[in-house]
Amino acid sequence: MSDSKPSLTPEQEQALVAVLDEIVPARPDGRVPGAGALGLVGFIEDRMRETPDLRPAIVQGLAALERLAAERGAGGFPQVPAAERADLLNALSTREPAFLPGLIFQTYVGYYQQPIVLEALGVEGRPPHPQGYAMEPLDPSLLEPVRRRGPFGRRL
């Protein structure tokens, strides 16, 4: 997809990697990397090109995050000690309320599409269609409340 807007700067990318790793950290056993280390910056940039409101929210949020980090004596968010990053993001959420919700949603979308993540969850690392996934058999008793309720609404 072509885009007239420039990509994120290298500094913004580094900050975004650190934020993504806070949103979805690496598994303690090392089997699955965090969202930033998994390389989701490109995915987020694609979403920013496709969703006009997302780009300014993320760019402004990253700028505000860097200012907050500087106020706390760090050269940037990636230099903030790991133990303090969540607090900094919480503080940012009140200053830039549009930043985290969209970013978190897009991070989850991108993260849970990655084959390594799906395999770690015990799901084949492939799209669900056309092969589909095995489902447990339906328990017909779950439909009993609907059957007892009977038809409603108007008939056409």
N, C-alpha and C. Protein backbone atom coordinates (compact mmCIF):
# COMPACT_ATOMS: atom_id res chain seq x y z
N MET A 1 0.84 -1.16 0.00
CA MET A 1 0.00 0.00 0.00
C MET A 1 0.89 1.23 0.00
N SER A 2 0.66 2.17 -0.92
CA SER A 2 1.48 3.37 -0.97
C SER A 2 0.99 4.36 0.07
N ASP A 3 1.92 5.21 0.49
CA ASP A 3 1.57 6.13 1.55
C ASP A 3 2.44 7.36 1.41
N SER A 4 1.82 8.54 1.51
CA SER A 4 2.58 9.77 1.42
C SER A 4 3.23 10.12 2.76
N LYS A 5 2.77 9.52 3.83
CA LYS A 5 3.32 9.81 5.15
C LYS A 5 4.60 9.00 5.36
N PRO A 6 5.62 9.64 5.94
CA PRO A 6 6.87 8.91 6.18
C PRO A 6 6.68 7.86 7.27
N SER A 7 7.58 6.91 7.26
CA SER A 7 7.59 5.90 8.32
C SER A 7 8.02 6.56 9.62
N LEU A 8 7.92 5.81 10.68
CA LEU A 8 8.40 6.29 11.97
C LEU A 8 9.90 6.50 11.91
N THR A 9 10.38 7.43 12.70
CA THR A 9 11.83 7.64 12.79
C THR A 9 12.45 6.46 13.53
N PRO A 10 13.74 6.27 13.41
CA PRO A 10 14.38 5.19 14.16
C PRO A 10 14.16 5.31 15.68
N GLU A 11 14.15 6.54 16.21
CA GLU A 11 13.91 6.73 17.64
C GLU A 11 12.49 6.34 18.01
N GLN A 12 11.52 6.71 17.16
CA GLN A 12 10.13 6.33 17.41
C GLN A 12 9.97 4.81 17.34
N GLU A 13 10.65 4.18 16.39
CA GLU A 13 10.58 2.72 16.27
C GLU A 13 11.13 2.05 17.52
N GLN A 14 12.27 2.55 18.03
CA GLN A 14 12.85 1.96 19.24
C GLN A 14 11.91 2.11 20.43
N ALA A 15 11.30 3.29 20.55
CA ALA A 15 10.34 3.50 21.64
C ALA A 15 9.14 2.58 21.46
N LEU A 16 8.66 2.43 20.22
CA LEU A 16 7.50 1.58 19.98
C LEU A 16 7.82 0.12 20.28
N VAL A 17 9.01 -0.34 19.96
CA VAL A 17 9.41 -1.71 20.29
C VAL A 17 9.31 -1.92 21.80
N ALA A 18 9.82 -0.97 22.56
CA ALA A 18 9.79 -1.08 24.03
C ALA A 18 8.35 -1.06 24.55
N VAL A 19 7.49 -0.22 23.96
CA VAL A 19 6.09 -0.17 24.38
C VAL A 19 5.40 -1.49 24.05
N LEU A 20 5.64 -2.00 22.85
CA LEU A 20 5.02 -3.27 22.45
C LEU A 20 5.43 -4.40 23.39
N ASP A 21 6.69 -4.39 23.82
CA ASP A 21 7.14 -5.42 24.77
C ASP A 21 6.52 -5.25 26.14
N GLU A 22 6.06 -4.05 26.47
CA GLU A 22 5.31 -3.84 27.72
C GLU A 22 3.88 -4.34 27.57
N ILE A 23 3.30 -4.13 26.39
CA ILE A 23 1.92 -4.57 26.15
C ILE A 23 1.84 -6.09 26.19
N VAL A 24 2.75 -6.74 25.45
CA VAL A 24 2.82 -8.20 25.47
C VAL A 24 4.28 -8.57 25.71
N PRO A 25 4.63 -8.83 26.97
CA PRO A 25 6.03 -9.17 27.27
C PRO A 25 6.38 -10.59 26.81
N ALA A 26 7.67 -10.83 26.74
CA ALA A 26 8.15 -12.17 26.40
C ALA A 26 7.73 -13.15 27.49
N ARG A 27 7.52 -14.38 27.07
CA ARG A 27 7.22 -15.41 28.08
C ARG A 27 8.46 -15.65 28.92
N PRO A 28 8.29 -15.87 30.20
CA PRO A 28 9.45 -16.08 31.07
C PRO A 28 10.33 -17.26 30.64
N ASP A 29 9.72 -18.28 30.02
CA ASP A 29 10.51 -19.44 29.60
C ASP A 29 11.28 -19.18 28.30
N GLY A 30 11.08 -18.00 27.69
CA GLY A 30 11.81 -17.65 26.48
C GLY A 30 11.29 -18.27 25.21
N ARG A 31 10.22 -19.05 25.29
CA ARG A 31 9.70 -19.72 24.09
C ARG A 31 9.04 -18.76 23.11
N VAL A 32 8.49 -17.66 23.63
CA VAL A 32 7.81 -16.69 22.77
C VAL A 32 8.30 -15.30 23.14
N PRO A 33 8.78 -14.55 22.14
CA PRO A 33 9.24 -13.19 22.43
C PRO A 33 8.07 -12.25 22.69
N GLY A 34 8.39 -11.09 23.24
CA GLY A 34 7.39 -10.05 23.40
C GLY A 34 6.98 -9.49 22.05
N ALA A 35 5.94 -8.68 22.05
CA ALA A 35 5.42 -8.15 20.80
C ALA A 35 6.43 -7.27 20.07
N GLY A 36 7.22 -6.52 20.80
CA GLY A 36 8.23 -5.68 20.16
C GLY A 36 9.35 -6.50 19.56
N ALA A 37 9.86 -7.43 20.34
CA ALA A 37 10.95 -8.29 19.86
C ALA A 37 10.49 -9.18 18.71
N LEU A 38 9.20 -9.44 18.64
CA LEU A 38 8.65 -10.27 17.57
C LEU A 38 8.62 -9.51 16.24
N GLY A 39 8.84 -8.21 16.29
CA GLY A 39 8.91 -7.42 15.06
C GLY A 39 7.58 -6.85 14.61
N LEU A 40 6.70 -6.49 15.54
CA LEU A 40 5.38 -5.99 15.17
C LEU A 40 5.37 -4.51 14.79
N VAL A 41 6.51 -3.84 14.83
CA VAL A 41 6.53 -2.43 14.44
C VAL A 41 6.03 -2.27 13.00
N GLY A 42 6.47 -3.13 12.10
CA GLY A 42 6.01 -3.07 10.71
C GLY A 42 4.51 -3.28 10.60
N PHE A 43 3.98 -4.21 11.37
CA PHE A 43 2.54 -4.44 11.38
C PHE A 43 1.81 -3.19 11.85
N ILE A 44 2.29 -2.57 12.92
CA ILE A 44 1.66 -1.36 13.45
C ILE A 44 1.75 -0.23 12.42
N GLU A 45 2.88 -0.11 11.76
CA GLU A 45 3.01 0.93 10.73
C GLU A 45 2.02 0.70 9.59
N ASP A 46 1.82 -0.55 9.20
CA ASP A 46 0.81 -0.86 8.18
C ASP A 46 -0.57 -0.43 8.65
N ARG A 47 -0.91 -0.74 9.90
CA ARG A 47 -2.22 -0.35 10.44
C ARG A 47 -2.35 1.17 10.49
N MET A 48 -1.25 1.87 10.78
CA MET A 48 -1.29 3.33 10.83
C MET A 48 -1.58 3.91 9.45
N ARG A 49 -1.07 3.26 8.41
CA ARG A 49 -1.34 3.73 7.05
C ARG A 49 -2.79 3.45 6.65
N GLU A 50 -3.33 2.36 7.15
CA GLU A 50 -4.69 1.95 6.79
C GLU A 50 -5.77 2.62 7.63
N THR A 51 -5.41 3.08 8.83
CA THR A 51 -6.39 3.66 9.76
C THR A 51 -5.97 5.10 10.05
N PRO A 52 -6.58 6.07 9.38
CA PRO A 52 -6.11 7.46 9.49
C PRO A 52 -6.03 8.01 10.92
N ASP A 53 -6.95 7.64 11.80
CA ASP A 53 -6.93 8.18 13.16
C ASP A 53 -5.86 7.56 14.04
N LEU A 54 -5.35 6.41 13.64
CA LEU A 54 -4.37 5.71 14.47
C LEU A 54 -3.01 6.39 14.42
N ARG A 55 -2.61 6.84 13.26
CA ARG A 55 -1.27 7.43 13.09
C ARG A 55 -1.04 8.61 14.03
N PRO A 56 -1.89 9.65 14.02
CA PRO A 56 -1.60 10.77 14.92
C PRO A 56 -1.64 10.37 16.39
N ALA A 57 -2.52 9.46 16.75
CA ALA A 57 -2.59 9.03 18.15
C ALA A 57 -1.28 8.37 18.57
N ILE A 58 -0.73 7.54 17.71
CA ILE A 58 0.52 6.84 18.05
C ILE A 58 1.71 7.79 18.01
N VAL A 59 1.79 8.61 16.97
CA VAL A 59 2.93 9.54 16.87
C VAL A 59 2.92 10.53 18.03
N GLN A 60 1.75 11.09 18.35
CA GLN A 60 1.66 12.03 19.48
C GLN A 60 1.92 11.32 20.80
N GLY A 61 1.41 10.10 20.91
CA GLY A 61 1.64 9.33 22.13
C GLY A 61 3.10 9.01 22.35
N LEU A 62 3.80 8.64 21.28
CA LEU A 62 5.24 8.35 21.39
C LEU A 62 6.01 9.61 21.78
N ALA A 63 5.62 10.76 21.20
CA ALA A 63 6.30 12.02 21.54
C ALA A 63 6.07 12.36 23.02
N ALA A 64 4.85 12.19 23.49
CA ALA A 64 4.55 12.47 24.90
C ALA A 64 5.28 11.49 25.81
N LEU A 65 5.40 10.25 25.38
CA LEU A 65 6.12 9.24 26.16
C LEU A 65 7.59 9.61 26.28
N GLU A 66 8.17 10.08 25.21
CA GLU A 66 9.58 10.49 25.25
C GLU A 66 9.76 11.69 26.19
N ARG A 67 8.79 12.62 26.18
CA ARG A 67 8.88 13.77 27.10
C ARG A 67 8.79 13.30 28.56
N LEU A 68 7.87 12.37 28.81
CA LEU A 68 7.75 11.83 30.18
C LEU A 68 9.03 11.13 30.61
N ALA A 69 9.61 10.37 29.70
CA ALA A 69 10.86 9.67 30.02
C ALA A 69 11.96 10.69 30.33
N ALA A 70 12.01 11.77 29.55
CA ALA A 70 13.03 12.80 29.78
C ALA A 70 12.81 13.49 31.13
N GLU A 71 11.53 13.71 31.48
CA GLU A 71 11.22 14.32 32.78
C GLU A 71 11.73 13.45 33.93
N ARG A 72 11.79 12.16 33.69
CA ARG A 72 12.26 11.23 34.73
C ARG A 72 13.75 10.93 34.60
N GLY A 73 14.43 11.69 33.73
CA GLY A 73 15.87 11.58 33.63
C GLY A 73 16.38 10.51 32.67
N ALA A 74 15.50 9.93 31.86
CA ALA A 74 15.94 8.92 30.89
C ALA A 74 16.10 9.57 29.53
N GLY A 75 16.99 9.02 28.72
CA GLY A 75 17.20 9.53 27.36
C GLY A 75 16.03 9.23 26.44
N GLY A 76 15.19 8.31 26.81
CA GLY A 76 14.02 7.91 26.03
C GLY A 76 13.37 6.73 26.71
N PHE A 77 12.21 6.34 26.24
CA PHE A 77 11.49 5.24 26.88
C PHE A 77 12.31 3.95 26.92
N PRO A 78 13.05 3.61 25.86
CA PRO A 78 13.84 2.38 25.94
C PRO A 78 14.89 2.39 27.05
N GLN A 79 15.29 3.58 27.50
CA GLN A 79 16.29 3.67 28.57
C GLN A 79 15.66 3.69 29.97
N VAL A 80 14.34 3.76 30.05
CA VAL A 80 13.66 3.71 31.33
C VAL A 80 13.82 2.30 31.90
N PRO A 81 14.21 2.17 33.17
CA PRO A 81 14.33 0.82 33.74
C PRO A 81 13.02 0.03 33.59
N ALA A 82 13.16 -1.25 33.31
CA ALA A 82 11.99 -2.10 33.04
C ALA A 82 10.96 -2.03 34.15
N ALA A 83 11.41 -1.93 35.38
CA ALA A 83 10.48 -1.90 36.53
C ALA A 83 9.64 -0.62 36.57
N GLU A 84 10.05 0.42 35.85
CA GLU A 84 9.34 1.70 35.87
C GLU A 84 8.50 1.95 34.62
N ARG A 85 8.62 1.10 33.62
CA ARG A 85 7.95 1.35 32.36
C ARG A 85 6.43 1.32 32.46
N ALA A 86 5.87 0.37 33.19
CA ALA A 86 4.41 0.29 33.31
C ALA A 86 3.86 1.55 33.98
N ASP A 87 4.56 2.04 35.01
CA ASP A 87 4.11 3.27 35.68
C ASP A 87 4.14 4.45 34.71
N LEU A 88 5.15 4.51 33.89
CA LEU A 88 5.26 5.60 32.92
C LEU A 88 4.12 5.52 31.90
N LEU A 89 3.80 4.31 31.44
CA LEU A 89 2.68 4.15 30.50
C LEU A 89 1.35 4.50 31.16
N ASN A 90 1.19 4.15 32.42
CA ASN A 90 -0.04 4.53 33.13
C ASN A 90 -0.14 6.05 33.24
N ALA A 91 0.94 6.71 33.53
CA ALA A 91 0.93 8.18 33.61
C ALA A 91 0.61 8.78 32.25
N LEU A 92 1.14 8.17 31.20
CA LEU A 92 0.88 8.66 29.85
C LEU A 92 -0.59 8.50 29.46
N SER A 93 -1.23 7.47 29.96
CA SER A 93 -2.61 7.21 29.55
C SER A 93 -3.55 8.34 29.95
N THR A 94 -3.23 9.09 30.98
CA THR A 94 -4.07 10.23 31.35
C THR A 94 -3.76 11.45 30.48
N ARG A 95 -2.52 11.58 30.04
CA ARG A 95 -2.13 12.71 29.20
C ARG A 95 -2.53 12.51 27.74
N GLU A 96 -2.42 11.29 27.28
CA GLU A 96 -2.70 10.95 25.88
C GLU A 96 -3.67 9.78 25.84
N PRO A 97 -4.96 10.02 26.13
CA PRO A 97 -5.90 8.90 26.24
C PRO A 97 -6.14 8.14 24.94
N ALA A 98 -5.81 8.71 23.81
CA ALA A 98 -6.03 8.02 22.53
C ALA A 98 -4.87 7.08 22.18
N PHE A 99 -3.77 7.18 22.88
CA PHE A 99 -2.57 6.42 22.50
C PHE A 99 -2.70 4.92 22.73
N LEU A 100 -2.93 4.51 23.94
CA LEU A 100 -2.85 3.08 24.26
C LEU A 100 -4.01 2.22 23.75
N PRO A 101 -5.27 2.66 23.81
CA PRO A 101 -6.34 1.74 23.39
C PRO A 101 -6.17 1.21 21.96
N GLY A 102 -5.95 2.09 21.01
CA GLY A 102 -5.78 1.64 19.63
C GLY A 102 -4.52 0.83 19.43
N LEU A 103 -3.46 1.25 20.10
CA LEU A 103 -2.19 0.52 19.98
C LEU A 103 -2.30 -0.87 20.59
N ILE A 104 -2.94 -0.97 21.74
CA ILE A 104 -3.10 -2.28 22.38
C ILE A 104 -3.92 -3.21 21.49
N PHE A 105 -5.02 -2.70 20.95
CA PHE A 105 -5.86 -3.53 20.08
C PHE A 105 -5.05 -4.03 18.88
N GLN A 106 -4.37 -3.13 18.20
CA GLN A 106 -3.60 -3.53 17.01
C GLN A 106 -2.45 -4.47 17.38
N THR A 107 -1.87 -4.27 18.55
CA THR A 107 -0.80 -5.16 19.00
C THR A 107 -1.32 -6.58 19.16
N TYR A 108 -2.47 -6.72 19.82
CA TYR A 108 -3.05 -8.06 20.00
C TYR A 108 -3.39 -8.69 18.66
N VAL A 109 -3.96 -7.91 17.75
CA VAL A 109 -4.31 -8.44 16.43
C VAL A 109 -3.07 -8.99 15.75
N GLY A 110 -2.01 -8.21 15.73
CA GLY A 110 -0.78 -8.64 15.07
C GLY A 110 -0.08 -9.79 15.79
N TYR A 111 -0.04 -9.71 17.10
CA TYR A 111 0.66 -10.72 17.89
C TYR A 111 0.03 -12.10 17.74
N TYR A 112 -1.29 -12.15 17.85
CA TYR A 112 -1.96 -13.45 17.82
C TYR A 112 -2.18 -13.98 16.41
N GLN A 113 -1.57 -13.34 15.42
CA GLN A 113 -1.53 -13.88 14.06
C GLN A 113 -0.19 -14.56 13.77
N GLN A 114 0.76 -14.38 14.66
CA GLN A 114 2.10 -14.90 14.42
C GLN A 114 2.16 -16.41 14.65
N PRO A 115 2.70 -17.16 13.69
CA PRO A 115 2.76 -18.62 13.84
C PRO A 115 3.44 -19.08 15.13
N ILE A 116 4.51 -18.42 15.56
CA ILE A 116 5.20 -18.85 16.78
C ILE A 116 4.29 -18.71 18.00
N VAL A 117 3.45 -17.68 18.01
CA VAL A 117 2.52 -17.46 19.12
C VAL A 117 1.41 -18.51 19.08
N LEU A 118 0.86 -18.72 17.91
CA LEU A 118 -0.21 -19.73 17.78
C LEU A 118 0.29 -21.11 18.19
N GLU A 119 1.48 -21.47 17.75
CA GLU A 119 2.03 -22.78 18.11
C GLU A 119 2.28 -22.88 19.62
N ALA A 120 2.73 -21.78 20.24
CA ALA A 120 2.93 -21.80 21.69
C ALA A 120 1.61 -21.98 22.43
N LEU A 121 0.52 -21.54 21.82
CA LEU A 121 -0.81 -21.71 22.41
C LEU A 121 -1.41 -23.07 22.08
N GLY A 122 -0.69 -23.88 21.34
CA GLY A 122 -1.18 -25.21 20.98
C GLY A 122 -2.10 -25.20 19.78
N VAL A 123 -2.07 -24.13 18.99
CA VAL A 123 -2.87 -24.04 17.78
C VAL A 123 -1.92 -24.08 16.60
N GLU A 124 -2.32 -24.75 15.55
CA GLU A 124 -1.48 -24.78 14.36
C GLU A 124 -1.25 -23.37 13.86
N GLY A 125 -0.02 -23.07 13.50
CA GLY A 125 0.32 -21.74 13.00
C GLY A 125 -0.09 -21.57 11.56
N ARG A 126 -1.38 -21.52 11.31
CA ARG A 126 -1.92 -21.36 9.96
C ARG A 126 -3.26 -20.64 10.06
N PRO A 127 -3.72 -20.10 8.95
CA PRO A 127 -5.06 -19.48 8.98
C PRO A 127 -6.13 -20.54 9.26
N PRO A 128 -7.25 -20.14 9.86
CA PRO A 128 -8.29 -21.10 10.19
C PRO A 128 -9.01 -21.67 8.97
N HIS A 129 -8.98 -20.96 7.86
CA HIS A 129 -9.68 -21.45 6.67
C HIS A 129 -8.68 -21.62 5.55
N PRO A 130 -8.82 -22.58 4.69
CA PRO A 130 -10.00 -23.39 4.44
C PRO A 130 -10.05 -24.69 5.25
N GLN A 131 -8.99 -25.05 5.96
CA GLN A 131 -8.98 -26.34 6.65
C GLN A 131 -9.84 -26.35 7.91
N GLY A 132 -9.99 -25.20 8.55
CA GLY A 132 -10.76 -25.15 9.79
C GLY A 132 -9.99 -25.77 10.94
N TYR A 133 -10.60 -25.72 12.11
CA TYR A 133 -10.03 -26.32 13.30
C TYR A 133 -11.06 -27.28 13.89
N ALA A 134 -10.59 -28.32 14.52
CA ALA A 134 -11.49 -29.28 15.15
C ALA A 134 -12.20 -28.60 16.32
N MET A 135 -13.50 -28.84 16.41
CA MET A 135 -14.29 -28.27 17.50
C MET A 135 -14.86 -29.41 18.33
N GLU A 136 -15.08 -29.11 19.59
CA GLU A 136 -15.70 -30.10 20.45
C GLU A 136 -17.15 -30.28 20.00
N PRO A 137 -17.71 -31.48 20.16
CA PRO A 137 -19.10 -31.68 19.75
C PRO A 137 -20.04 -30.77 20.52
N LEU A 138 -21.10 -30.34 19.85
CA LEU A 138 -22.08 -29.46 20.47
C LEU A 138 -22.88 -30.22 21.51
N ASP A 139 -23.07 -29.58 22.64
CA ASP A 139 -23.92 -30.13 23.69
C ASP A 139 -25.32 -29.57 23.45
N PRO A 140 -26.26 -30.38 22.91
CA PRO A 140 -27.59 -29.86 22.58
C PRO A 140 -28.34 -29.27 23.77
N SER A 141 -28.00 -29.68 24.97
CA SER A 141 -28.70 -29.13 26.14
C SER A 141 -28.45 -27.63 26.31
N LEU A 142 -27.36 -27.12 25.73
CA LEU A 142 -27.07 -25.69 25.82
C LEU A 142 -28.12 -24.85 25.09
N LEU A 143 -28.81 -25.47 24.12
CA LEU A 143 -29.83 -24.76 23.35
C LEU A 143 -31.21 -24.82 23.99
N GLU A 144 -31.37 -25.56 25.06
CA GLU A 144 -32.68 -25.76 25.68
C GLU A 144 -33.35 -24.45 26.10
N PRO A 145 -32.65 -23.49 26.70
CA PRO A 145 -33.31 -22.23 27.06
C PRO A 145 -33.89 -21.51 25.84
N VAL A 146 -33.23 -21.60 24.72
CA VAL A 146 -33.73 -20.95 23.50
C VAL A 146 -34.99 -21.68 23.01
N ARG A 147 -34.97 -23.00 23.06
CA ARG A 147 -36.14 -23.78 22.63
C ARG A 147 -37.34 -23.47 23.53
N ARG A 148 -37.12 -23.38 24.83
CA ARG A 148 -38.22 -23.10 25.76
C ARG A 148 -38.81 -21.71 25.54
N ARG A 149 -37.99 -20.80 25.16
CA ARG A 149 -38.44 -19.42 24.97
C ARG A 149 -39.44 -19.34 23.81
N GLY A 150 -39.27 -20.14 22.79
CA GLY A 150 -40.18 -20.13 21.65
C GLY A 150 -39.89 -18.99 20.71
N PRO A 151 -40.65 -18.94 19.62
CA PRO A 151 -40.41 -17.87 18.62
C PRO A 151 -40.87 -16.51 19.17
N PHE A 152 -40.20 -15.48 18.69
CA PHE A 152 -40.60 -14.13 19.04
C PHE A 152 -40.26 -13.24 17.84
N GLY A 153 -40.76 -12.04 17.87
CA GLY A 153 -40.56 -11.14 16.73
C GLY A 153 -41.70 -11.35 15.74
N ARG A 154 -41.67 -10.59 14.68
CA ARG A 154 -42.74 -10.75 13.70
C ARG A 154 -42.33 -11.66 12.58
N ARG A 155 -43.29 -12.32 12.06
CA ARG A 155 -43.05 -13.23 10.93
C ARG A 155 -43.15 -12.43 9.64
N LEU A 156 -42.25 -12.67 8.76
CA LEU A 156 -42.26 -11.96 7.47
C LEU A 156 -42.91 -12.79 6.40
